[in-house]
């Protein structure tokens, strides 16, 4: 399955949830927000949201500052 993550193409084996994707990328959940096809996916849906062929995923990392 081909997915674009932060404008870079990646290939994964389906089925793949957002939680499983973050684990494969060794990406922390803390301070992270995800948008799939320009729609924010609430954290409580990451375990059940299945990625599809061609999805465009943006991973945001919260940054503290002032």
PDB file of N, CA and C in Angstrom:
ATOM      1  N   UNK A   1       0.850  -1.164   0.000  1.00  0.00           N
ATOM      2  CA  UNK A   1       0.000   0.000   0.000  1.00  0.00           C
ATOM      3  C   UNK A   1       0.900   1.233   0.000  1.00  0.00           C
ATOM      4  N   UNK A   2       0.635   2.146  -0.921  1.00  0.00           N
ATOM      5  CA  UNK A   2       1.402   3.383  -1.030  1.00  0.00           C
ATOM      6  C   UNK A   2       0.702   4.507  -0.286  1.00  0.00           C
ATOM      7  N   UNK A   3       1.445   5.181   0.586  1.00  0.00           N
ATOM      8  CA  UNK A   3       0.928   6.288   1.387  1.00  0.00           C
ATOM      9  C   UNK A   3       1.941   7.423   1.315  1.00  0.00           C
ATOM     10  N   UNK A   4       1.451   8.640   1.269  1.00  0.00           N
ATOM     11  CA  UNK A   4       2.317   9.820   1.331  1.00  0.00           C
ATOM     12  C   UNK A   4       2.309  10.312   2.778  1.00  0.00           C
ATOM     13  N   UNK A   5       3.495  10.433   3.380  1.00  0.00           N
ATOM     14  CA  UNK A   5       3.618  10.942   4.746  1.00  0.00           C
ATOM     15  C   UNK A   5       4.492  12.175   4.712  1.00  0.00           C
ATOM     16  N   UNK A   6       3.918  13.298   5.102  1.00  0.00           N
ATOM     17  CA  UNK A   6       4.635  14.577   5.090  1.00  0.00           C
ATOM     18  C   UNK A   6       5.358  14.779   3.758  1.00  0.00           C
ATOM     19  N   UNK A   7       4.609  14.586   2.666  1.00  0.00           N
ATOM     20  CA  UNK A   7       5.075  14.801   1.287  1.00  0.00           C
ATOM     21  C   UNK A   7       6.121  13.808   0.803  1.00  0.00           C
ATOM     22  N   UNK A   8       6.314  12.688   1.507  1.00  0.00           N
ATOM     23  CA  UNK A   8       7.262  11.661   1.070  1.00  0.00           C
ATOM     24  C   UNK A   8       6.535  10.337   0.893  1.00  0.00           C
ATOM     25  N   UNK A   9       6.756   9.662  -0.237  1.00  0.00           N
ATOM     26  CA  UNK A   9       6.089   8.376  -0.464  1.00  0.00           C
ATOM     27  C   UNK A   9       6.665   7.271   0.414  1.00  0.00           C
ATOM     28  N   UNK A  10       5.775   6.405   0.913  1.00  0.00           N
ATOM     29  CA  UNK A  10       6.150   5.253   1.730  1.00  0.00           C
ATOM     30  C   UNK A  10       5.303   4.063   1.299  1.00  0.00           C
ATOM     31  N   UNK A  11       5.840   2.864   1.489  1.00  0.00           N
ATOM     32  CA  UNK A  11       5.102   1.638   1.168  1.00  0.00           C
ATOM     33  C   UNK A  11       4.958   0.817   2.442  1.00  0.00           C
ATOM     34  N   UNK A  12       3.723   0.371   2.727  1.00  0.00           N
ATOM     35  CA  UNK A  12       3.427  -0.424   3.912  1.00  0.00           C
ATOM     36  C   UNK A  12       2.548  -1.605   3.516  1.00  0.00           C
ATOM     37  N   UNK A  13       2.477  -2.575   4.396  1.00  0.00           N
ATOM     38  CA  UNK A  13       1.595  -3.724   4.202  1.00  0.00           C
ATOM     39  C   UNK A  13       0.252  -3.412   4.862  1.00  0.00           C
ATOM     40  N   UNK A  14      -0.824  -3.616   4.121  1.00  0.00           N
ATOM     41  CA  UNK A  14      -2.170  -3.403   4.656  1.00  0.00           C
ATOM     42  C   UNK A  14      -2.625  -4.669   5.370  1.00  0.00           C
ATOM     43  N   UNK A  15      -3.537  -4.605   6.304  1.00  0.00           N
ATOM     44  CA  UNK A  15      -4.176  -3.411   6.829  1.00  0.00           C
ATOM     45  C   UNK A  15      -3.261  -2.690   7.822  1.00  0.00           C
ATOM     46  N   UNK A  16      -3.456  -1.387   7.939  1.00  0.00           N
ATOM     47  CA  UNK A  16      -2.600  -0.569   8.794  1.00  0.00           C
ATOM     48  C   UNK A  16      -3.419   0.539   9.433  1.00  0.00           C
ATOM     49  N   UNK A  17      -3.430   0.559  10.776  1.00  0.00           N
ATOM     50  CA  UNK A  17      -4.097   1.647  11.498  1.00  0.00           C
ATOM     51  C   UNK A  17      -3.093   2.765  11.738  1.00  0.00           C
ATOM     52  N   UNK A  18      -3.598   3.904  12.156  1.00  0.00           N
ATOM     53  CA  UNK A  18      -2.701   5.024  12.467  1.00  0.00           C
ATOM     54  C   UNK A  18      -1.783   4.687  13.640  1.00  0.00           C
ATOM     55  N   UNK A  19      -2.309   3.999  14.649  1.00  0.00           N
ATOM     56  CA  UNK A  19      -1.490   3.599  15.792  1.00  0.00           C
ATOM     57  C   UNK A  19      -0.363   2.675  15.350  1.00  0.00           C
ATOM     58  N   UNK A  20      -0.683   1.698  14.499  1.00  0.00           N
ATOM     59  CA  UNK A  20       0.332   0.768  14.000  1.00  0.00           C
ATOM     60  C   UNK A  20       1.365   1.484  13.142  1.00  0.00           C
ATOM     61  N   UNK A  21       0.927   2.454  12.361  1.00  0.00           N
ATOM     62  CA  UNK A  21       1.857   3.231  11.538  1.00  0.00           C
ATOM     63  C   UNK A  21       2.859   3.979  12.411  1.00  0.00           C
ATOM     64  N   UNK A  22       2.362   4.662  13.447  1.00  0.00           N
ATOM     65  CA  UNK A  22       3.269   5.396  14.337  1.00  0.00           C
ATOM     66  C   UNK A  22       4.257   4.444  15.004  1.00  0.00           C
ATOM     67  N   UNK A  23       3.812   3.247  15.362  1.00  0.00           N
ATOM     68  CA  UNK A  23       4.722   2.260  15.964  1.00  0.00           C
ATOM     69  C   UNK A  23       5.795   1.854  14.962  1.00  0.00           C
ATOM     70  N   UNK A  24       5.412   1.618  13.704  1.00  0.00           N
ATOM     71  CA  UNK A  24       6.390   1.242  12.689  1.00  0.00           C
ATOM     72  C   UNK A  24       7.390   2.356  12.428  1.00  0.00           C
ATOM     73  N   UNK A  25       6.940   3.598  12.546  1.00  0.00           N
ATOM     74  CA  UNK A  25       7.825   4.745  12.340  1.00  0.00           C
ATOM     75  C   UNK A  25       8.597   5.104  13.604  1.00  0.00           C
ATOM     76  N   UNK A  26       8.327   4.390  14.710  1.00  0.00           N
ATOM     77  CA  UNK A  26       8.925   4.683  16.018  1.00  0.00           C
ATOM     78  C   UNK A  26       8.710   6.155  16.384  1.00  0.00           C
ATOM     79  N   UNK A  27       7.474   6.602  16.173  1.00  0.00           N
ATOM     80  CA  UNK A  27       7.109   7.995  16.432  1.00  0.00           C
ATOM     81  C   UNK A  27       6.275   8.060  17.705  1.00  0.00           C
ATOM     82  N   UNK A  28       6.633   8.936  18.597  1.00  0.00           N
ATOM     83  CA  UNK A  28       5.924   9.100  19.860  1.00  0.00           C
ATOM     84  C   UNK A  28       4.519   9.656  19.638  1.00  0.00           C
ATOM     85  N   UNK A  29       3.566   9.228  20.444  1.00  0.00           N
ATOM     86  CA  UNK A  29       2.201   9.752  20.373  1.00  0.00           C
ATOM     87  C   UNK A  29       2.105  11.095  21.085  1.00  0.00           C
ATOM     88  N   UNK A  30       3.011  11.343  22.023  1.00  0.00           N
ATOM     89  CA  UNK A  30       2.952  12.549  22.828  1.00  0.00           C
ATOM     90  C   UNK A  30       3.130  13.795  21.959  1.00  0.00           C
ATOM     91  N   UNK A  31       2.159  14.701  22.038  1.00  0.00           N
ATOM     92  CA  UNK A  31       2.235  15.951  21.299  1.00  0.00           C
ATOM     93  C   UNK A  31       2.029  15.810  19.805  1.00  0.00           C
ATOM     94  N   UNK A  32       1.504  14.665  19.361  1.00  0.00           N
ATOM     95  CA  UNK A  32       1.336  14.411  17.937  1.00  0.00           C
ATOM     96  C   UNK A  32      -0.119  14.587  17.529  1.00  0.00           C
ATOM     97  N   UNK A  33      -0.314  15.164  16.344  1.00  0.00           N
ATOM     98  CA  UNK A  33      -1.633  15.245  15.715  1.00  0.00           C
ATOM     99  C   UNK A  33      -1.488  14.676  14.309  1.00  0.00           C
ATOM    100  N   UNK A  34      -2.552  14.042  13.825  1.00  0.00           N
ATOM    101  CA  UNK A  34      -2.517  13.422  12.503  1.00  0.00           C
ATOM    102  C   UNK A  34      -3.668  13.918  11.643  1.00  0.00           C
ATOM    103  N   UNK A  35      -3.358  14.179  10.372  1.00  0.00           N
ATOM    104  CA  UNK A  35      -4.389  14.515   9.391  1.00  0.00           C
ATOM    105  C   UNK A  35      -4.262  13.539   8.232  1.00  0.00           C
ATOM    106  N   UNK A  36      -5.379  12.949   7.853  1.00  0.00           N
ATOM    107  CA  UNK A  36      -5.424  12.047   6.707  1.00  0.00           C
ATOM    108  C   UNK A  36      -6.290  12.719   5.653  1.00  0.00           C
ATOM    109  N   UNK A  37      -5.688  12.925   4.487  1.00  0.00           N
ATOM    110  CA  UNK A  37      -6.392  13.589   3.382  1.00  0.00           C
ATOM    111  C   UNK A  37      -7.009  14.911   3.834  1.00  0.00           C
ATOM    112  N   UNK A  38      -6.215  15.680   4.552  1.00  0.00           N
ATOM    113  CA  UNK A  38      -6.549  17.025   5.032  1.00  0.00           C
ATOM    114  C   UNK A  38      -7.657  17.052   6.079  1.00  0.00           C
ATOM    115  N   UNK A  39      -7.904  15.923   6.750  1.00  0.00           N
ATOM    116  CA  UNK A  39      -8.882  15.860   7.831  1.00  0.00           C
ATOM    117  C   UNK A  39      -8.195  15.371   9.101  1.00  0.00           C
ATOM    118  N   UNK A  40      -8.241  16.170  10.156  1.00  0.00           N
ATOM    119  CA  UNK A  40      -7.663  15.760  11.433  1.00  0.00           C
ATOM    120  C   UNK A  40      -8.410  14.524  11.939  1.00  0.00           C
ATOM    121  N   UNK A  41      -7.648  13.525  12.388  1.00  0.00           N
ATOM    122  CA  UNK A  41      -8.240  12.315  12.959  1.00  0.00           C
ATOM    123  C   UNK A  41      -8.044  12.383  14.478  1.00  0.00           C
ATOM    124  N   UNK A  42      -9.139  12.404  15.245  1.00  0.00           N
ATOM    125  CA  UNK A  42      -9.006  12.459  16.702  1.00  0.00           C
ATOM    126  C   UNK A  42      -8.213  11.257  17.233  1.00  0.00           C
ATOM    127  N   UNK A  43      -7.436  11.501  18.261  1.00  0.00           N
ATOM    128  CA  UNK A  43      -6.574  10.472  18.852  1.00  0.00           C
ATOM    129  C   UNK A  43      -7.364   9.217  19.251  1.00  0.00           C
ATOM    130  N   UNK A  44      -8.598   9.379  19.701  1.00  0.00           N
ATOM    131  CA  UNK A  44      -9.369   8.201  20.124  1.00  0.00           C
ATOM    132  C   UNK A  44      -9.803   7.318  18.943  1.00  0.00           C
ATOM    133  N   UNK A  45      -9.537   7.747  17.723  1.00  0.00           N
ATOM    134  CA  UNK A  45      -9.849   6.936  16.536  1.00  0.00           C
ATOM    135  C   UNK A  45      -8.606   6.341  15.870  1.00  0.00           C
ATOM    136  N   UNK A  46      -7.426   6.631  16.391  1.00  0.00           N
ATOM    137  CA  UNK A  46      -6.188   6.143  15.777  1.00  0.00           C
ATOM    138  C   UNK A  46      -6.122   4.621  15.747  1.00  0.00           C
ATOM    139  N   UNK A  47      -6.668   3.956  16.774  1.00  0.00           N
ATOM    140  CA  UNK A  47      -6.625   2.490  16.833  1.00  0.00           C
ATOM    141  C   UNK A  47      -7.524   1.825  15.801  1.00  0.00           C
ATOM    142  N   UNK A  48      -8.524   2.539  15.317  1.00  0.00           N
ATOM    143  CA  UNK A  48      -9.490   1.936  14.400  1.00  0.00           C
ATOM    144  C   UNK A  48      -9.454   2.522  12.990  1.00  0.00           C
ATOM    145  N   UNK A  49      -8.780   3.647  12.817  1.00  0.00           N
ATOM    146  CA  UNK A  49      -8.733   4.272  11.488  1.00  0.00           C
ATOM    147  C   UNK A  49      -7.766   3.502  10.588  1.00  0.00           C
ATOM    148  N   UNK A  50      -8.301   2.836   9.581  1.00  0.00           N
ATOM    149  CA  UNK A  50      -7.477   2.086   8.639  1.00  0.00           C
ATOM    150  C   UNK A  50      -7.056   2.980   7.480  1.00  0.00           C
ATOM    151  N   UNK A  51      -5.764   2.984   7.206  1.00  0.00           N
ATOM    152  CA  UNK A  51      -5.249   3.742   6.073  1.00  0.00           C
ATOM    153  C   UNK A  51      -5.575   3.014   4.780  1.00  0.00           C
ATOM    154  N   UNK A  52      -5.747   3.787   3.725  1.00  0.00           N
ATOM    155  CA  UNK A  52      -6.112   3.256   2.415  1.00  0.00           C
ATOM    156  C   UNK A  52      -5.018   3.606   1.396  1.00  0.00           C
ATOM    157  N   UNK A  53      -4.958   2.841   0.332  1.00  0.00           N
ATOM    158  CA  UNK A  53      -4.035   3.105  -0.770  1.00  0.00           C
ATOM    159  C   UNK A  53      -4.169   4.563  -1.216  1.00  0.00           C
ATOM    160  N   UNK A  54      -3.029   5.255  -1.289  1.00  0.00           N
ATOM    161  CA  UNK A  54      -3.009   6.626  -1.781  1.00  0.00           C
ATOM    162  C   UNK A  54      -3.314   7.689  -0.753  1.00  0.00           C
ATOM    163  N   UNK A  55      -3.569   7.297   0.507  1.00  0.00           N
ATOM    164  CA  UNK A  55      -3.837   8.310   1.536  1.00  0.00           C
ATOM    165  C   UNK A  55      -2.655   9.258   1.670  1.00  0.00           C
ATOM    166  N   UNK A  56      -2.993  10.500   1.984  1.00  0.00           N
ATOM    167  CA  UNK A  56      -1.982  11.524   2.223  1.00  0.00           C
ATOM    168  C   UNK A  56      -2.048  11.875   3.706  1.00  0.00           C
ATOM    169  N   UNK A  57      -0.985  11.528   4.430  1.00  0.00           N
ATOM    170  CA  UNK A  57      -0.944  11.696   5.880  1.00  0.00           C
ATOM    171  C   UNK A  57       0.032  12.812   6.243  1.00  0.00           C
ATOM    172  N   UNK A  58      -0.403  13.679   7.146  1.00  0.00           N
ATOM    173  CA  UNK A  58       0.478  14.716   7.684  1.00  0.00           C
ATOM    174  C   UNK A  58       0.589  14.468   9.179  1.00  0.00           C
ATOM    175  N   UNK A  59       1.827  14.381   9.657  1.00  0.00           N
ATOM    176  CA  UNK A  59       2.099  14.202  11.083  1.00  0.00           C
ATOM    177  C   UNK A  59       2.571  15.545  11.626  1.00  0.00           C
ATOM    178  N   UNK A  60       1.826  16.074  12.587  1.00  0.00           N
ATOM    179  CA  UNK A  60       2.165  17.355  13.222  1.00  0.00           C
ATOM    180  C   UNK A  60       2.755  17.079  14.592  1.00  0.00           C
ATOM    181  N   UNK A  61       3.740  17.820  14.975  1.00  0.00           N
ATOM    182  CA  UNK A  61       4.323  17.717  16.315  1.00  0.00           C
ATOM    183  C   UNK A  61       4.138  19.060  17.006  1.00  0.00           C
ATOM    184  N   UNK A  62       3.461  19.046  18.154  1.00  0.00           N
ATOM    185  CA  UNK A  62       3.268  20.275  18.924  1.00  0.00           C
ATOM    186  C   UNK A  62       4.610  20.779  19.441  1.00  0.00           C
ATOM    187  N   UNK A  63       4.796  22.072  19.340  1.00  0.00           N
ATOM    188  CA  UNK A  63       6.040  22.698  19.801  1.00  0.00           C
ATOM    189  C   UNK A  63       5.670  23.802  20.779  1.00  0.00           C
ATOM    190  N   UNK A  64       6.244  23.733  21.972  1.00  0.00           N
ATOM    191  CA  UNK A  64       5.982  24.765  22.981  1.00  0.00           C
ATOM    192  C   UNK A  64       6.862  25.970  22.700  1.00  0.00           C
ATOM    193  N   UNK A  65       6.329  27.089  23.000  1.00  0.00           N
ATOM    194  CA  UNK A  65       7.111  28.318  22.795  1.00  0.00           C
ATOM    195  C   UNK A  65       6.222  29.519  22.995  1.00  0.00           C
ATOM    196  N   UNK A  66       6.807  30.645  22.826  1.00  0.00           N
ATOM    197  CA  UNK A  66       6.008  31.835  23.050  1.00  0.00           C
ATOM    198  C   UNK A  66       6.275  32.940  22.167  1.00  0.00           C
TER     199      UNK A  66
END
